[in-house]
Amino acid sequence: MMRTYVIMVVQLMIWSAFTLIEWLSKHDQLLYKVIMFFVFFYLAFALCNRVTQSTAKTLFITSLSLMIYSSIHYTLALITH
């Protein structure tokens, strides 16, 4: 259980880094942003898979962390605008 928590926190940091880099490259084309998303997704997935050693659990945890981060990100965007 503690491993899952640590992985979630690290993945939330990865998604935060993705958002920062996306913000810094706001003039890039959409294709480059999509490629960058898949690079960060692979990084989060590979890190989690190395710790959990289970592809199904890795996919669940990575998807969950992405959903949590996205919901927090868009909620804060709605509040601040």
PDB file of N, CA and C in Angstrom:
ATOM      1  N   MET A   1       0.816  -1.189   0.000  1.00  0.00           N
ATOM      2  CA  MET A   1       0.000   0.000   0.000  1.00  0.00           C
ATOM      3  C   MET A   1       0.865   1.260   0.000  1.00  0.00           C
ATOM      4  N   MET A   2       1.944   1.233   0.757  1.00  0.00           N
ATOM      5  CA  MET A   2       2.817   2.398   0.827  1.00  0.00           C
ATOM      6  C   MET A   2       3.524   2.629  -0.512  1.00  0.00           C
ATOM      7  N   ARG A   3       3.871   1.555  -1.217  1.00  0.00           N
ATOM      8  CA  ARG A   3       4.489   1.697  -2.530  1.00  0.00           C
ATOM      9  C   ARG A   3       3.547   2.408  -3.497  1.00  0.00           C
ATOM     10  N   THR A   4       2.281   2.033  -3.434  1.00  0.00           N
ATOM     11  CA  THR A   4       1.285   2.656  -4.313  1.00  0.00           C
ATOM     12  C   THR A   4       1.190   4.149  -4.030  1.00  0.00           C
ATOM     13  N   TYR A   5       1.197   4.518  -2.774  1.00  0.00           N
ATOM     14  CA  TYR A   5       1.138   5.936  -2.394  1.00  0.00           C
ATOM     15  C   TYR A   5       2.363   6.684  -2.917  1.00  0.00           C
ATOM     16  N   VAL A   6       3.537   6.117  -2.738  1.00  0.00           N
ATOM     17  CA  VAL A   6       4.771   6.763  -3.196  1.00  0.00           C
ATOM     18  C   VAL A   6       4.760   6.900  -4.715  1.00  0.00           C
ATOM     19  N   ILE A   7       4.319   5.861  -5.411  1.00  0.00           N
ATOM     20  CA  ILE A   7       4.242   5.923  -6.870  1.00  0.00           C
ATOM     21  C   ILE A   7       3.272   7.015  -7.316  1.00  0.00           C
ATOM     22  N   MET A   8       2.128   7.104  -6.628  1.00  0.00           N
ATOM     23  CA  MET A   8       1.148   8.137  -6.980  1.00  0.00           C
ATOM     24  C   MET A   8       1.746   9.538  -6.809  1.00  0.00           C
ATOM     25  N   VAL A   9       2.455   9.757  -5.738  1.00  0.00           N
ATOM     26  CA  VAL A   9       3.062  11.069  -5.495  1.00  0.00           C
ATOM     27  C   VAL A   9       4.119  11.379  -6.558  1.00  0.00           C
ATOM     28  N   VAL A  10       4.944  10.392  -6.880  1.00  0.00           N
ATOM     29  CA  VAL A  10       5.973  10.601  -7.906  1.00  0.00           C
ATOM     30  C   VAL A  10       5.323  10.856  -9.265  1.00  0.00           C
ATOM     31  N   GLN A  11       4.269  10.116  -9.571  1.00  0.00           N
ATOM     32  CA  GLN A  11       3.596  10.338 -10.847  1.00  0.00           C
ATOM     33  C   GLN A  11       2.919  11.700 -10.898  1.00  0.00           C
ATOM     34  N   LEU A  12       2.385  12.163  -9.793  1.00  0.00           N
ATOM     35  CA  LEU A  12       1.820  13.507  -9.770  1.00  0.00           C
ATOM     36  C   LEU A  12       2.906  14.556 -10.021  1.00  0.00           C
ATOM     37  N   MET A  13       4.120  14.298  -9.545  1.00  0.00           N
ATOM     38  CA  MET A  13       5.232  15.193  -9.840  1.00  0.00           C
ATOM     39  C   MET A  13       5.593  15.138 -11.325  1.00  0.00           C
ATOM     40  N   ILE A  14       5.512  13.951 -11.918  1.00  0.00           N
ATOM     41  CA  ILE A  14       5.788  13.809 -13.352  1.00  0.00           C
ATOM     42  C   ILE A  14       4.758  14.592 -14.160  1.00  0.00           C
ATOM     43  N   TRP A  15       3.469  14.481 -13.795  1.00  0.00           N
ATOM     44  CA  TRP A  15       2.427  15.219 -14.517  1.00  0.00           C
ATOM     45  C   TRP A  15       2.590  16.726 -14.308  1.00  0.00           C
ATOM     46  N   SER A  16       3.046  17.130 -13.133  1.00  0.00           N
ATOM     47  CA  SER A  16       3.306  18.553 -12.895  1.00  0.00           C
ATOM     48  C   SER A  16       4.448  19.050 -13.780  1.00  0.00           C
ATOM     49  N   ALA A  17       5.476  18.233 -13.932  1.00  0.00           N
ATOM     50  CA  ALA A  17       6.589  18.598 -14.816  1.00  0.00           C
ATOM     51  C   ALA A  17       6.112  18.690 -16.260  1.00  0.00           C
ATOM     52  N   PHE A  18       5.228  17.784 -16.664  1.00  0.00           N
ATOM     53  CA  PHE A  18       4.658  17.846 -18.007  1.00  0.00           C
ATOM     54  C   PHE A  18       3.903  19.156 -18.214  1.00  0.00           C
ATOM     55  N   THR A  19       3.112  19.557 -17.236  1.00  0.00           N
ATOM     56  CA  THR A  19       2.346  20.796 -17.346  1.00  0.00           C
ATOM     57  C   THR A  19       3.278  21.999 -17.434  1.00  0.00           C
ATOM     58  N   LEU A  20       4.338  22.002 -16.652  1.00  0.00           N
ATOM     59  CA  LEU A  20       5.300  23.094 -16.705  1.00  0.00           C
ATOM     60  C   LEU A  20       5.963  23.174 -18.075  1.00  0.00           C
ATOM     61  N   ILE A  21       6.395  22.047 -18.597  1.00  0.00           N
ATOM     62  CA  ILE A  21       7.055  22.036 -19.901  1.00  0.00           C
ATOM     63  C   ILE A  21       6.069  22.403 -21.003  1.00  0.00           C
ATOM     64  N   GLU A  22       4.829  21.945 -20.876  1.00  0.00           N
ATOM     65  CA  GLU A  22       3.806  22.323 -21.858  1.00  0.00           C
ATOM     66  C   GLU A  22       3.564  23.830 -21.829  1.00  0.00           C
ATOM     67  N   TRP A  23       3.573  24.410 -20.646  1.00  0.00           N
ATOM     68  CA  TRP A  23       3.393  25.845 -20.515  1.00  0.00           C
ATOM     69  C   TRP A  23       4.567  26.608 -21.131  1.00  0.00           C
ATOM     70  N   LEU A  24       5.777  26.087 -20.935  1.00  0.00           N
ATOM     71  CA  LEU A  24       6.956  26.733 -21.497  1.00  0.00           C
ATOM     72  C   LEU A  24       6.995  26.635 -23.019  1.00  0.00           C
ATOM     73  N   SER A  25       6.344  25.606 -23.570  1.00  0.00           N
ATOM     74  CA  SER A  25       6.338  25.426 -25.025  1.00  0.00           C
ATOM     75  C   SER A  25       4.951  25.713 -25.592  1.00  0.00           C
ATOM     76  N   LYS A  26       4.356  26.794 -25.179  1.00  0.00           N
ATOM     77  CA  LYS A  26       2.979  27.101 -25.578  1.00  0.00           C
ATOM     78  C   LYS A  26       2.849  27.431 -27.057  1.00  0.00           C
ATOM     79  N   HIS A  27       3.941  27.727 -27.726  1.00  0.00           N
ATOM     80  CA  HIS A  27       3.877  28.058 -29.146  1.00  0.00           C
ATOM     81  C   HIS A  27       4.173  26.858 -30.047  1.00  0.00           C
ATOM     82  N   ASP A  28       4.394  25.696 -29.456  1.00  0.00           N
ATOM     83  CA  ASP A  28       4.662  24.501 -30.252  1.00  0.00           C
ATOM     84  C   ASP A  28       3.378  23.990 -30.901  1.00  0.00           C
ATOM     85  N   GLN A  29       3.562  23.194 -31.931  1.00  0.00           N
ATOM     86  CA  GLN A  29       2.419  22.590 -32.610  1.00  0.00           C
ATOM     87  C   GLN A  29       1.825  21.496 -31.737  1.00  0.00           C
ATOM     88  N   LEU A  30       0.565  21.179 -32.013  1.00  0.00           N
ATOM     89  CA  LEU A  30      -0.159  20.165 -31.245  1.00  0.00           C
ATOM     90  C   LEU A  30       0.523  18.802 -31.334  1.00  0.00           C
ATOM     91  N   LEU A  31       1.056  18.458 -32.480  1.00  0.00           N
ATOM     92  CA  LEU A  31       1.715  17.162 -32.662  1.00  0.00           C
ATOM     93  C   LEU A  31       2.864  16.994 -31.673  1.00  0.00           C
ATOM     94  N   TYR A  32       3.646  18.040 -31.473  1.00  0.00           N
ATOM     95  CA  TYR A  32       4.780  17.965 -30.550  1.00  0.00           C
ATOM     96  C   TYR A  32       4.307  17.829 -29.098  1.00  0.00           C
ATOM     97  N   LYS A  33       3.206  18.465 -28.783  1.00  0.00           N
ATOM     98  CA  LYS A  33       2.658  18.342 -27.432  1.00  0.00           C
ATOM     99  C   LYS A  33       2.125  16.935 -27.187  1.00  0.00           C
ATOM    100  N   VAL A  34       1.524  16.329 -28.199  1.00  0.00           N
ATOM    101  CA  VAL A  34       1.029  14.955 -28.073  1.00  0.00           C
ATOM    102  C   VAL A  34       2.195  13.989 -27.910  1.00  0.00           C
ATOM    103  N   ILE A  35       3.236  14.175 -28.673  1.00  0.00           N
ATOM    104  CA  ILE A  35       4.430  13.325 -28.537  1.00  0.00           C
ATOM    105  C   ILE A  35       5.029  13.483 -27.148  1.00  0.00           C
ATOM    106  N   MET A  36       5.093  14.724 -26.671  1.00  0.00           N
ATOM    107  CA  MET A  36       5.635  14.972 -25.334  1.00  0.00           C
ATOM    108  C   MET A  36       4.766  14.295 -24.266  1.00  0.00           C
ATOM    109  N   PHE A  37       3.434  14.313 -24.442  1.00  0.00           N
ATOM    110  CA  PHE A  37       2.551  13.635 -23.497  1.00  0.00           C
ATOM    111  C   PHE A  37       2.859  12.145 -23.446  1.00  0.00           C
ATOM    112  N   PHE A  38       3.034  11.520 -24.607  1.00  0.00           N
ATOM    113  CA  PHE A  38       3.328  10.089 -24.623  1.00  0.00           C
ATOM    114  C   PHE A  38       4.694   9.777 -24.019  1.00  0.00           C
ATOM    115  N   VAL A  39       5.647  10.669 -24.159  1.00  0.00           N
ATOM    116  CA  VAL A  39       6.951  10.474 -23.512  1.00  0.00           C
ATOM    117  C   VAL A  39       6.793  10.494 -21.994  1.00  0.00           C
ATOM    118  N   PHE A  40       6.040  11.458 -21.486  1.00  0.00           N
ATOM    119  CA  PHE A  40       5.825  11.543 -20.044  1.00  0.00           C
ATOM    120  C   PHE A  40       4.972  10.368 -19.546  1.00  0.00           C
ATOM    121  N   PHE A  41       3.983   9.954 -20.347  1.00  0.00           N
ATOM    122  CA  PHE A  41       3.169   8.804 -19.967  1.00  0.00           C
ATOM    123  C   PHE A  41       4.040   7.550 -19.885  1.00  0.00           C
ATOM    124  N   TYR A  42       4.923   7.367 -20.853  1.00  0.00           N
ATOM    125  CA  TYR A  42       5.820   6.218 -20.827  1.00  0.00           C
ATOM    126  C   TYR A  42       6.750   6.273 -19.619  1.00  0.00           C
ATOM    127  N   LEU A  43       7.248   7.453 -19.295  1.00  0.00           N
ATOM    128  CA  LEU A  43       8.114   7.613 -18.126  1.00  0.00           C
ATOM    129  C   LEU A  43       7.373   7.220 -16.847  1.00  0.00           C
ATOM    130  N   ALA A  44       6.155   7.706 -16.694  1.00  0.00           N
ATOM    131  CA  ALA A  44       5.361   7.363 -15.509  1.00  0.00           C
ATOM    132  C   ALA A  44       5.035   5.875 -15.478  1.00  0.00           C
ATOM    133  N   PHE A  45       4.683   5.323 -16.640  1.00  0.00           N
ATOM    134  CA  PHE A  45       4.333   3.907 -16.733  1.00  0.00           C
ATOM    135  C   PHE A  45       5.539   3.018 -16.416  1.00  0.00           C
ATOM    136  N   ALA A  46       6.696   3.341 -17.004  1.00  0.00           N
ATOM    137  CA  ALA A  46       7.894   2.530 -16.790  1.00  0.00           C
ATOM    138  C   ALA A  46       8.347   2.568 -15.331  1.00  0.00           C
ATOM    139  N   LEU A  47       8.272   3.742 -14.721  1.00  0.00           N
ATOM    140  CA  LEU A  47       8.647   3.863 -13.309  1.00  0.00           C
ATOM    141  C   LEU A  47       7.733   3.011 -12.430  1.00  0.00           C
ATOM    142  N   CYS A  48       6.450   3.110 -12.675  1.00  0.00           N
ATOM    143  CA  CYS A  48       5.486   2.352 -11.880  1.00  0.00           C
ATOM    144  C   CYS A  48       5.646   0.850 -12.112  1.00  0.00           C
ATOM    145  N   ASN A  49       5.854   0.464 -13.357  1.00  0.00           N
ATOM    146  CA  ASN A  49       5.991  -0.961 -13.661  1.00  0.00           C
ATOM    147  C   ASN A  49       7.245  -1.550 -13.026  1.00  0.00           C
ATOM    148  N   ARG A  50       8.276  -0.751 -12.928  1.00  0.00           N
ATOM    149  CA  ARG A  50       9.509  -1.227 -12.290  1.00  0.00           C
ATOM    150  C   ARG A  50       9.288  -1.499 -10.803  1.00  0.00           C
ATOM    151  N   VAL A  51       8.435  -0.714 -10.171  1.00  0.00           N
ATOM    152  CA  VAL A  51       8.182  -0.881  -8.740  1.00  0.00           C
ATOM    153  C   VAL A  51       7.152  -1.983  -8.486  1.00  0.00           C
ATOM    154  N   THR A  52       6.068  -1.993  -9.258  1.00  0.00           N
ATOM    155  CA  THR A  52       4.979  -2.931  -8.971  1.00  0.00           C
ATOM    156  C   THR A  52       5.166  -4.299  -9.604  1.00  0.00           C
ATOM    157  N   GLN A  53       5.882  -4.373 -10.729  1.00  0.00           N
ATOM    158  CA  GLN A  53       6.091  -5.632 -11.458  1.00  0.00           C
ATOM    159  C   GLN A  53       4.789  -6.250 -11.950  1.00  0.00           C
ATOM    160  N   SER A  54       3.766  -5.443 -12.153  1.00  0.00           N
ATOM    161  CA  SER A  54       2.477  -5.911 -12.639  1.00  0.00           C
ATOM    162  C   SER A  54       1.942  -4.908 -13.654  1.00  0.00           C
ATOM    163  N   THR A  55       1.742  -5.363 -14.879  1.00  0.00           N
ATOM    164  CA  THR A  55       1.289  -4.456 -15.928  1.00  0.00           C
ATOM    165  C   THR A  55      -0.118  -3.939 -15.669  1.00  0.00           C
ATOM    166  N   ALA A  56      -1.004  -4.806 -15.195  1.00  0.00           N
ATOM    167  CA  ALA A  56      -2.381  -4.383 -14.931  1.00  0.00           C
ATOM    168  C   ALA A  56      -2.438  -3.334 -13.810  1.00  0.00           C
ATOM    169  N   LYS A  57      -1.703  -3.589 -12.738  1.00  0.00           N
ATOM    170  CA  LYS A  57      -1.669  -2.638 -11.626  1.00  0.00           C
ATOM    171  C   LYS A  57      -1.005  -1.332 -12.058  1.00  0.00           C
ATOM    172  N   THR A  58       0.019  -1.437 -12.886  1.00  0.00           N
ATOM    173  CA  THR A  58       0.707  -0.255 -13.393  1.00  0.00           C
ATOM    174  C   THR A  58      -0.231   0.601 -14.234  1.00  0.00           C
ATOM    175  N   LEU A  59      -0.975  -0.022 -15.128  1.00  0.00           N
ATOM    176  CA  LEU A  59      -1.908   0.721 -15.969  1.00  0.00           C
ATOM    177  C   LEU A  59      -2.985   1.389 -15.126  1.00  0.00           C
ATOM    178  N   PHE A  60      -3.484   0.688 -14.107  1.00  0.00           N
ATOM    179  CA  PHE A  60      -4.499   1.263 -13.230  1.00  0.00           C
ATOM    180  C   PHE A  60      -3.961   2.458 -12.459  1.00  0.00           C
ATOM    181  N   ILE A  61      -2.794   2.314 -11.857  1.00  0.00           N
ATOM    182  CA  ILE A  61      -2.217   3.387 -11.039  1.00  0.00           C
ATOM    183  C   ILE A  61      -1.880   4.600 -11.903  1.00  0.00           C
ATOM    184  N   THR A  62      -1.300   4.360 -13.078  1.00  0.00           N
ATOM    185  CA  THR A  62      -0.930   5.465 -13.952  1.00  0.00           C
ATOM    186  C   THR A  62      -2.171   6.200 -14.460  1.00  0.00           C
ATOM    187  N   SER A  63      -3.190   5.463 -14.839  1.00  0.00           N
ATOM    188  CA  SER A  63      -4.430   6.093 -15.295  1.00  0.00           C
ATOM    189  C   SER A  63      -5.103   6.863 -14.161  1.00  0.00           C
ATOM    190  N   LEU A  64      -5.100   6.291 -12.972  1.00  0.00           N
ATOM    191  CA  LEU A  64      -5.688   6.958 -11.819  1.00  0.00           C
ATOM    192  C   LEU A  64      -4.951   8.250 -11.485  1.00  0.00           C
ATOM    193  N   SER A  65      -3.630   8.210 -11.496  1.00  0.00           N
ATOM    194  CA  SER A  65      -2.868   9.424 -11.185  1.00  0.00           C
ATOM    195  C   SER A  65      -3.095  10.492 -12.250  1.00  0.00           C
ATOM    196  N   LEU A  66      -3.220  10.081 -13.507  1.00  0.00           N
ATOM    197  CA  LEU A  66      -3.490  11.050 -14.577  1.00  0.00           C
ATOM    198  C   LEU A  66      -4.884  11.654 -14.419  1.00  0.00           C
ATOM    199  N   MET A  67      -5.867  10.851 -14.063  1.00  0.00           N
ATOM    200  CA  MET A  67      -7.219  11.378 -13.853  1.00  0.00           C
ATOM    201  C   MET A  67      -7.269  12.327 -12.658  1.00  0.00           C
ATOM    202  N   ILE A  68      -6.598  11.967 -11.566  1.00  0.00           N
ATOM    203  CA  ILE A  68      -6.581  12.827 -10.387  1.00  0.00           C
ATOM    204  C   ILE A  68      -5.897  14.153 -10.711  1.00  0.00           C
ATOM    205  N   TYR A  69      -4.752  14.076 -11.380  1.00  0.00           N
ATOM    206  CA  TYR A  69      -4.040  15.309 -11.705  1.00  0.00           C
ATOM    207  C   TYR A  69      -4.840  16.171 -12.673  1.00  0.00           C
ATOM    208  N   SER A  70      -5.454  15.552 -13.659  1.00  0.00           N
ATOM    209  CA  SER A  70      -6.258  16.312 -14.622  1.00  0.00           C
ATOM    210  C   SER A  70      -7.442  16.995 -13.955  1.00  0.00           C
ATOM    211  N   SER A  71      -8.099  16.288 -13.060  1.00  0.00           N
ATOM    212  CA  SER A  71      -9.247  16.898 -12.382  1.00  0.00           C
ATOM    213  C   SER A  71      -8.812  18.057 -11.490  1.00  0.00           C
ATOM    214  N   ILE A  72      -7.698  17.917 -10.803  1.00  0.00           N
ATOM    215  CA  ILE A  72      -7.185  19.014  -9.975  1.00  0.00           C
ATOM    216  C   ILE A  72      -6.757  20.184 -10.858  1.00  0.00           C
ATOM    217  N   HIS A  73      -6.062  19.879 -11.948  1.00  0.00           N
ATOM    218  CA  HIS A  73      -5.558  20.909 -12.849  1.00  0.00           C
ATOM    219  C   HIS A  73      -6.704  21.722 -13.455  1.00  0.00           C
ATOM    220  N   TYR A  74      -7.722  21.056 -13.968  1.00  0.00           N
ATOM    221  CA  TYR A  74      -8.824  21.774 -14.608  1.00  0.00           C
ATOM    222  C   TYR A  74      -9.728  22.454 -13.580  1.00  0.00           C
ATOM    223  N   THR A  75      -9.863  21.899 -12.398  1.00  0.00           N
ATOM    224  CA  THR A  75     -10.631  22.572 -11.343  1.00  0.00           C
ATOM    225  C   THR A  75      -9.946  23.882 -10.944  1.00  0.00           C
ATOM    226  N   LEU A  76      -8.655  23.847 -10.766  1.00  0.00           N
ATOM    227  CA  LEU A  76      -7.928  25.068 -10.422  1.00  0.00           C
ATOM    228  C   LEU A  76      -7.951  26.068 -11.577  1.00  0.00           C
ATOM    229  N   ALA A  77      -7.919  25.577 -12.808  1.00  0.00           N
ATOM    230  CA  ALA A  77      -8.006  26.475 -13.955  1.00  0.00           C
ATOM    231  C   ALA A  77      -9.356  27.178 -14.001  1.00  0.00           C
ATOM    232  N   LEU A  78     -10.418  26.472 -13.646  1.00  0.00           N
ATOM    233  CA  LEU A  78     -11.735  27.089 -13.625  1.00  0.00           C
ATOM    234  C   LEU A  78     -11.866  28.114 -12.501  1.00  0.00           C
ATOM    235  N   ILE A  79     -11.259  27.821 -11.374  1.00  0.00           N
ATOM    236  CA  ILE A  79     -11.331  28.727 -10.222  1.00  0.00           C
ATOM    237  C   ILE A  79     -10.558  30.007 -10.491  1.00  0.00           C
ATOM    238  N   THR A  80      -9.377  29.901 -11.103  1.00  0.00           N
ATOM    239  CA  THR A  80      -8.525  31.068 -11.295  1.00  0.00           C
ATOM    240  C   THR A  80      -8.942  31.933 -12.469  1.00  0.00           C
ATOM    241  N   HIS A  81      -9.754  31.413 -13.371  1.00  0.00           N
ATOM    242  CA  HIS A  81     -10.160  32.216 -14.531  1.00  0.00           C
ATOM    243  C   HIS A  81     -11.522  32.695 -14.336  1.00  0.00           C
TER     244      HIS A  81
END
